[in-house]
Amino acid sequence: MKEVILDTETTGLSVKDGHRVVEIGCIELENLIPTKKIFHYYLNPERKVSEKALKIHGYTDEFLSDKQKFKEIADEFLDFIKEKKIIIHNAEFDLAHLNNELSLIGKSQIVKDNIVDTLEIAREKFPGSGVSLDALCKRYHIDNSRRTKHTALIDCELLAKVYINLLDQREPSLNFTQTDTVLNKKNINEKNIYEKKIILPTNVELEEHKKFLKSNLKKNFF
């Protein structure tokens, strides 16, 4: 199953005040493992960045002035997320801004049915506790030291790890298990899971090993 971790940065909090998207970041997952496919753009919002937003992400009007506009990357964005479940932390915020951008250029909006909100999952799982991205990173011992500012791709990378933990899954890692079965190449490529074949010694080899140890003990101690 393919999913997309998504995050945005904006000029301010509310689309009702005319605020726009200044950055979109997406990371694709397949079976909870990053595929290395990403979508990332800084965008010219065609308006000034608010002081509060500037403190959060640090993107100045000057930095954004020569970037592409949303309408120039919209088709590529929609193609990237097509037919995939979208994972967002505080989906209401990001979805409002993205759908505003899409409506401004006459594109169909993203439906909520295709969205998983990790903020809602965290609230249900840890009622009364902090459920910000930073708080969840702390809870799951995820290193977020690179997050000195809110940037879409870094937030996506952190959210991917948080999402796996919220689902009570361990982060993908090498899995060495005792088995006489070797995974075929297709499974290895699809799952990035490797199994190590364990070859047990025969009875003859065990007897030879005992003789070797006994012989060496005599030499060393007698």
Protein backbone atom coordinates (compact mmCIF):
# COMPACT_ATOMS: atom_id res chain seq x y z
CA MET A 1 0.00 0.00 0.00
CA LYS A 2 1.33 3.41 -0.98
CA GLU A 3 0.87 6.43 1.27
CA VAL A 4 2.12 10.01 1.23
CA ILE A 5 3.37 11.94 4.25
CA LEU A 6 2.50 15.59 3.58
CA ASP A 7 3.27 18.93 5.18
CA THR A 8 2.91 22.58 4.18
CA GLU A 9 4.19 25.95 5.35
CA THR A 10 2.12 29.08 4.78
CA THR A 11 2.13 32.87 4.98
CA GLY A 12 -0.19 32.75 7.99
CA LEU A 13 -2.86 30.82 9.84
CA SER A 14 -6.15 31.31 8.02
CA VAL A 15 -7.18 31.18 4.37
CA LYS A 16 -10.01 33.55 5.37
CA ASP A 17 -7.35 36.22 5.79
CA GLY A 18 -5.97 35.48 2.34
CA HIS A 19 -2.99 33.43 3.47
CA ARG A 20 -1.27 31.17 0.97
CA VAL A 21 1.06 28.15 0.80
CA VAL A 22 4.82 28.85 0.61
CA GLU A 23 6.14 25.28 0.79
CA ILE A 24 4.86 21.77 0.08
CA GLY A 25 6.74 18.63 1.09
CA CYS A 26 5.71 15.02 0.45
CA ILE A 27 7.42 11.69 1.11
CA GLU A 28 6.04 8.48 -0.39
CA LEU A 29 5.77 5.32 1.73
CA GLU A 30 5.14 1.81 0.53
CA ASN A 31 4.19 -0.65 3.26
CA LEU A 32 5.40 1.99 5.76
CA ILE A 33 8.87 2.14 4.17
CA PRO A 34 10.04 5.36 2.43
CA THR A 35 10.43 4.74 -1.31
CA LYS A 36 12.85 7.69 -1.78
CA LYS A 37 10.25 9.41 -3.97
CA ILE A 38 9.66 12.95 -2.74
CA PHE A 39 7.76 16.01 -3.89
CA HIS A 40 9.07 19.37 -2.69
CA TYR A 41 8.67 22.98 -3.76
CA TYR A 42 9.06 26.43 -2.28
CA LEU A 43 6.32 28.66 -3.68
CA ASN A 44 5.78 32.33 -4.42
CA PRO A 45 2.57 33.07 -2.45
CA GLU A 46 1.93 36.35 -4.29
CA ARG A 47 1.54 38.14 -0.97
CA LYS A 48 3.62 39.02 2.07
CA VAL A 49 4.54 36.52 4.78
CA SER A 50 3.15 37.44 8.21
CA GLU A 51 5.57 38.12 11.05
CA LYS A 52 4.28 35.14 13.04
CA ALA A 53 4.75 32.75 10.10
CA LEU A 54 8.22 34.16 9.42
CA LYS A 55 9.26 33.27 12.98
CA ILE A 56 8.00 29.71 12.47
CA HIS A 57 9.58 28.81 9.11
CA GLY A 58 11.97 31.68 8.32
CA TYR A 59 11.01 32.07 4.63
CA THR A 60 11.27 35.75 3.72
CA ASP A 61 9.39 37.58 0.98
CA GLU A 62 12.70 38.05 -0.84
CA PHE A 63 13.52 34.32 -0.70
CA LEU A 64 10.09 33.37 -2.06
CA SER A 65 9.84 36.09 -4.72
CA ASP A 66 11.53 34.10 -7.52
CA LYS A 67 9.94 30.73 -6.72
CA GLN A 68 7.27 29.03 -8.83
CA LYS A 69 3.59 29.71 -8.19
CA PHE A 70 1.24 26.97 -7.05
CA LYS A 71 -0.57 26.87 -10.38
CA GLU A 72 2.73 25.93 -12.08
CA ILE A 73 3.26 22.82 -9.94
CA ALA A 74 -0.35 21.86 -9.23
CA ASP A 75 -0.62 19.09 -11.83
CA GLU A 76 2.65 17.52 -10.68
CA PHE A 77 1.44 17.66 -7.07
CA LEU A 78 -1.91 16.08 -7.87
CA ASP A 79 -0.20 13.34 -9.87
CA PHE A 80 2.14 12.59 -6.93
CA ILE A 81 -0.70 12.12 -4.43
CA LYS A 82 -3.10 10.41 -6.86
CA GLU A 83 -4.76 7.25 -5.48
CA LYS A 84 -2.66 7.32 -2.31
CA LYS A 85 -3.66 7.73 1.31
CA ILE A 86 -2.36 11.07 2.63
CA ILE A 87 -0.90 11.28 6.15
CA ILE A 88 -0.96 14.76 7.73
CA HIS A 89 -0.44 16.06 11.26
CA ASN A 90 -3.29 18.51 11.92
CA ALA A 91 -4.90 17.83 8.56
CA GLU A 92 -7.54 20.54 8.96
CA PHE A 93 -4.89 23.25 8.61
CA ASP A 94 -2.99 21.83 5.63
CA LEU A 95 -6.10 20.69 3.82
CA ALA A 96 -7.75 24.11 4.12
CA HIS A 97 -4.74 25.80 2.54
CA LEU A 98 -4.22 23.21 -0.19
CA ASN A 99 -7.88 23.17 -1.16
CA ASN A 100 -7.87 26.97 -1.23
CA GLU A 101 -4.94 26.90 -3.64
CA LEU A 102 -6.70 24.31 -5.81
CA SER A 103 -9.96 26.24 -5.85
CA LEU A 104 -8.14 29.43 -6.91
CA ILE A 105 -7.03 27.71 -10.11
CA GLY A 106 -10.24 25.76 -10.73
CA LYS A 107 -8.96 22.33 -9.69
CA SER A 108 -10.89 19.67 -7.78
CA GLN A 109 -10.30 19.68 -4.03
CA ILE A 110 -8.72 16.91 -1.98
CA VAL A 111 -11.42 14.87 -0.24
CA LYS A 112 -11.19 14.12 3.47
CA ASP A 113 -11.95 10.43 2.89
CA ASN A 114 -8.39 10.00 1.65
CA ILE A 115 -6.77 11.66 4.69
CA VAL A 116 -5.29 10.18 7.87
CA ASP A 117 -4.79 12.80 10.58
CA THR A 118 -2.05 11.74 12.99
CA LEU A 119 -3.10 14.50 15.38
CA GLU A 120 -6.48 12.81 15.83
CA ILE A 121 -4.84 9.40 16.28
CA ALA A 122 -2.49 10.84 18.92
CA ARG A 123 -5.34 12.55 20.78
CA GLU A 124 -7.27 9.28 21.01
CA LYS A 125 -4.19 7.34 22.03
CA PHE A 126 -2.83 9.84 24.58
CA PRO A 127 -5.78 11.86 25.95
CA GLY A 128 -4.66 14.84 28.00
CA SER A 129 -1.04 14.59 26.84
CA GLY A 130 0.92 16.77 24.45
CA VAL A 131 0.36 15.70 20.87
CA SER A 132 2.37 18.21 18.88
CA LEU A 133 4.95 16.78 16.48
CA ASP A 134 7.74 17.73 18.89
CA ALA A 135 5.92 16.13 21.84
CA LEU A 136 5.39 12.89 19.91
CA CYS A 137 9.04 12.83 18.83
CA LYS A 138 10.01 13.11 22.50
CA ARG A 139 7.57 10.35 23.49
CA TYR A 140 8.96 7.96 20.87
CA HIS A 141 12.62 8.99 21.33
CA ILE A 142 12.86 10.35 17.77
CA ASP A 143 15.73 12.78 17.22
CA ASN A 144 14.21 16.11 16.13
CA SER A 145 17.31 18.25 16.72
CA ARG A 146 17.30 19.31 13.04
CA ARG A 147 13.92 20.94 13.53
CA THR A 148 15.17 24.40 14.48
CA LYS A 149 12.52 25.83 12.14
CA HIS A 150 9.34 24.32 10.71
CA THR A 151 10.28 23.09 7.24
CA ALA A 152 8.05 20.81 5.20
CA LEU A 153 10.51 18.03 4.33
CA ILE A 154 12.07 17.73 7.78
CA ASP A 155 8.59 17.67 9.31
CA CYS A 156 7.61 14.93 6.83
CA GLU A 157 10.62 12.83 7.77
CA LEU A 158 9.77 13.14 11.47
CA LEU A 159 6.08 12.50 10.89
CA ALA A 160 6.85 9.31 8.95
CA LYS A 161 8.61 7.94 12.05
CA VAL A 162 5.88 9.16 14.39
CA TYR A 163 3.18 7.62 12.17
CA ILE A 164 4.86 4.20 12.27
CA ASN A 165 5.03 4.37 16.05
CA LEU A 166 1.42 5.52 16.38
CA LEU A 167 0.40 2.40 14.47
CA ASP A 168 2.38 0.34 17.02
CA GLN A 169 4.79 -0.69 14.31
CA ARG A 170 8.56 -0.70 14.67
CA GLU A 171 10.59 1.34 12.24
CA PRO A 172 11.67 -0.81 9.26
CA SER A 173 14.98 -2.53 9.96
CA LEU A 174 16.94 -5.58 8.94
CA ASN A 175 15.18 -8.69 10.21
CA PHE A 176 17.49 -11.66 10.79
CA THR A 177 15.48 -14.75 11.71
CA GLN A 178 16.27 -18.45 11.96
CA THR A 179 14.81 -20.07 8.90
CA ASP A 180 15.65 -22.55 6.17
CA THR A 181 13.72 -20.43 3.68
CA VAL A 182 15.46 -17.71 1.70
CA LEU A 183 13.28 -14.83 0.51
CA ASN A 184 13.06 -14.54 -3.24
CA LYS A 185 14.35 -11.40 -4.97
CA LYS A 186 10.86 -10.01 -5.49
CA ASN A 187 10.09 -10.03 -1.79
CA ILE A 188 13.45 -8.51 -0.91
CA ASN A 189 12.92 -5.65 -3.31
CA GLU A 190 9.37 -5.00 -2.23
CA LYS A 191 9.80 -5.23 1.54
CA ASN A 192 13.47 -4.50 2.12
CA ILE A 193 13.49 -7.40 4.59
CA TYR A 194 16.30 -9.89 4.66
CA GLU A 195 16.39 -13.29 6.35
CA LYS A 196 19.59 -15.04 7.32
CA LYS A 197 19.75 -18.78 6.75
CA ILE A 198 21.12 -20.60 9.80
CA ILE A 199 23.08 -23.81 9.08
CA LEU A 200 23.28 -26.08 12.14
CA PRO A 201 26.34 -28.34 12.70
CA THR A 202 25.98 -32.08 12.18
CA ASN A 203 26.43 -34.65 14.99
CA VAL A 204 29.82 -35.63 13.55
CA GLU A 205 30.96 -31.98 13.57
CA LEU A 206 29.81 -31.59 17.18
CA GLU A 207 31.81 -34.67 18.24
CA GLU A 208 34.92 -33.38 16.44
CA HIS A 209 34.49 -30.03 18.18
CA LYS A 210 34.34 -31.73 21.61
CA LYS A 211 37.53 -33.68 20.84
CA PHE A 212 39.26 -30.48 19.76
CA LEU A 213 38.31 -28.67 22.99
CA LYS A 214 39.40 -31.64 25.15
CA SER A 215 42.74 -31.87 23.39
CA ASN A 216 43.43 -28.16 23.83
CA LEU A 217 42.47 -28.20 27.51
CA LYS A 218 45.06 -30.94 28.17
CA LYS A 219 47.77 -29.00 26.38
CA ASN A 220 47.07 -25.79 28.29
CA PHE A 221 46.47 -27.10 31.77
CA PHE A 222 48.39 -30.40 32.13
